[in-house]
C-alpha atoms as a PDB file:
ATOM      1  CA  UNK A   1      97.877  71.851 101.077  1.00  0.00           C
ATOM      2  CA  UNK A   2     100.732  71.263  98.762  1.00  0.00           C
ATOM      3  CA  UNK A   3     103.828  73.561  98.531  1.00  0.00           C
ATOM      4  CA  UNK A   4     103.114  74.245  94.746  1.00  0.00           C
ATOM      5  CA  UNK A   5      99.608  75.531  95.712  1.00  0.00           C
ATOM      6  CA  UNK A   6     101.067  77.705  98.452  1.00  0.00           C
ATOM      7  CA  UNK A   7     103.396  79.289  96.021  1.00  0.00           C
ATOM      8  CA  UNK A   8     100.761  79.699  93.381  1.00  0.00           C
ATOM      9  CA  UNK A   9      98.276  81.216  95.902  1.00  0.00           C
ATOM     10  CA  UNK A  10     101.031  83.657  96.972  1.00  0.00           C
ATOM     11  CA  UNK A  11     102.081  84.617  93.587  1.00  0.00           C
ATOM     12  CA  UNK A  12      98.444  85.425  92.490  1.00  0.00           C
ATOM     13  CA  UNK A  13      97.486  87.320  95.571  1.00  0.00           C
ATOM     14  CA  UNK A  14     100.844  89.352  95.256  1.00  0.00           C
ATOM     15  CA  UNK A  15      99.893  90.125  91.762  1.00  0.00           C
ATOM     16  CA  UNK A  16      96.469  91.061  92.606  1.00  0.00           C
ATOM     17  CA  UNK A  17      97.604  93.272  95.416  1.00  0.00           C
ATOM     18  CA  UNK A  18     100.231  94.807  93.322  1.00  0.00           C
ATOM     19  CA  UNK A  19      97.792  95.587  90.510  1.00  0.00           C
ATOM     20  CA  UNK A  20      95.182  97.327  92.864  1.00  0.00           C
ATOM     21  CA  UNK A  21      98.030  99.238  94.596  1.00  0.00           C
ATOM     22  CA  UNK A  22      99.065 100.472  91.180  1.00  0.00           C
ATOM     23  CA  UNK A  23      95.567 101.390  90.231  1.00  0.00           C
ATOM     24  CA  UNK A  24      94.928 103.148  93.577  1.00  0.00           C
ATOM     25  CA  UNK A  25      98.182 105.157  93.192  1.00  0.00           C
ATOM     26  CA  UNK A  26      97.141 106.188  89.616  1.00  0.00           C
ATOM     27  CA  UNK A  27      93.720 107.161  90.826  1.00  0.00           C
ATOM     28  CA  UNK A  28      95.117 109.159  93.859  1.00  0.00           C
ATOM     29  CA  UNK A  29      97.579 110.811  91.323  1.00  0.00           C
ATOM     30  CA  UNK A  30      94.740 111.802  89.001  1.00  0.00           C
ATOM     31  CA  UNK A  31      93.051 113.571  92.036  1.00  0.00           C
ATOM     32  CA  UNK A  32      96.499 115.519  92.427  1.00  0.00           C
ATOM     33  CA  UNK A  33      97.652 113.639  95.704  1.00  0.00           C
ATOM     34  CA  UNK A  34      99.378 114.913  97.523  1.00  0.00           C
ATOM     35  CA  UNK A  35     100.781 118.178  96.082  1.00  0.00           C
ATOM     36  CA  UNK A  36      97.746 119.808  94.646  1.00  0.00           C
ATOM     37  CA  UNK A  37      95.110 118.453  96.968  1.00  0.00           C
ATOM     38  CA  UNK A  38      93.392 121.210  99.097  1.00  0.00           C
ATOM     39  CA  UNK A  39      92.431 118.709 101.818  1.00  0.00           C
ATOM     40  CA  UNK A  40      95.673 116.768 102.486  1.00  0.00           C
ATOM     41  CA  UNK A  41      94.565 115.231 105.566  1.00  0.00           C
ATOM     42  CA  UNK A  42      91.500 113.643 104.107  1.00  0.00           C
ATOM     43  CA  UNK A  43      93.465 112.382 100.850  1.00  0.00           C
ATOM     44  CA  UNK A  44      96.120 111.069 103.188  1.00  0.00           C
ATOM     45  CA  UNK A  45      93.728 108.932 105.131  1.00  0.00           C
ATOM     46  CA  UNK A  46      92.172 107.842 101.798  1.00  0.00           C
ATOM     47  CA  UNK A  47      95.552 106.600 100.630  1.00  0.00           C
ATOM     48  CA  UNK A  48      95.930 104.406 103.748  1.00  0.00           C
ATOM     49  CA  UNK A  49      92.370 103.380 103.315  1.00  0.00           C
ATOM     50  CA  UNK A  50      93.250 102.053  99.826  1.00  0.00           C
ATOM     51  CA  UNK A  51      96.327 100.461 101.165  1.00  0.00           C
ATOM     52  CA  UNK A  52      94.443  98.622 103.888  1.00  0.00           C
ATOM     53  CA  UNK A  53      91.664  97.708 101.572  1.00  0.00           C
ATOM     54  CA  UNK A  54      94.174  96.216  99.182  1.00  0.00           C
ATOM     55  CA  UNK A  55      95.688  94.136 101.776  1.00  0.00           C
ATOM     56  CA  UNK A  56      92.371  92.688 103.081  1.00  0.00           C
ATOM     57  CA  UNK A  57      91.282  91.875  99.475  1.00  0.00           C
ATOM     58  CA  UNK A  58      94.626  89.958  99.053  1.00  0.00           C
ATOM     59  CA  UNK A  59      94.167  88.014 102.544  1.00  0.00           C
ATOM     60  CA  UNK A  60      90.545  87.288 101.592  1.00  0.00           C
ATOM     61  CA  UNK A  61      91.620  85.925  98.371  1.00  0.00           C
ATOM     62  CA  UNK A  62      94.215  83.558  99.975  1.00  0.00           C
ATOM     63  CA  UNK A  63      91.725  82.397 102.442  1.00  0.00           C
ATOM     64  CA  UNK A  64      89.060  81.660  99.730  1.00  0.00           C
ATOM     65  CA  UNK A  65      91.734  79.664  97.896  1.00  0.00           C
ATOM     66  CA  UNK A  66      92.767  77.797 100.994  1.00  0.00           C
ATOM     67  CA  UNK A  67      89.173  76.976 101.850  1.00  0.00           C
ATOM     68  CA  UNK A  68      88.503  75.697  98.392  1.00  0.00           C
ATOM     69  CA  UNK A  69      91.652  73.662  98.432  1.00  0.00           C
ATOM     70  CA  UNK A  70      90.797  72.107 101.897  1.00  0.00           C
ATOM     71  CA  UNK A  71      87.256  71.075 100.417  1.00  0.00           C
ATOM     72  CA  UNK A  72      88.898  69.421  97.237  1.00  0.00           C
ATOM     73  CA  UNK A  73      91.149  67.248  99.301  1.00  0.00           C
END
């Protein structure tokens, strides 16, 4: 794969992960996390589940682009 493609894939995946991360934080904030949440432990685990899910989506996206690029070449 070319260097430009690596940079483009990284930028797109980074923007995707950042957007999902901001959306997840906004959603958790709308639920009142962490100050007003009655069940702090559950919301704490939800927060890290969102983080891990976001990272997995980014990695899956990079892998998909890499596989498509390999098929094209």
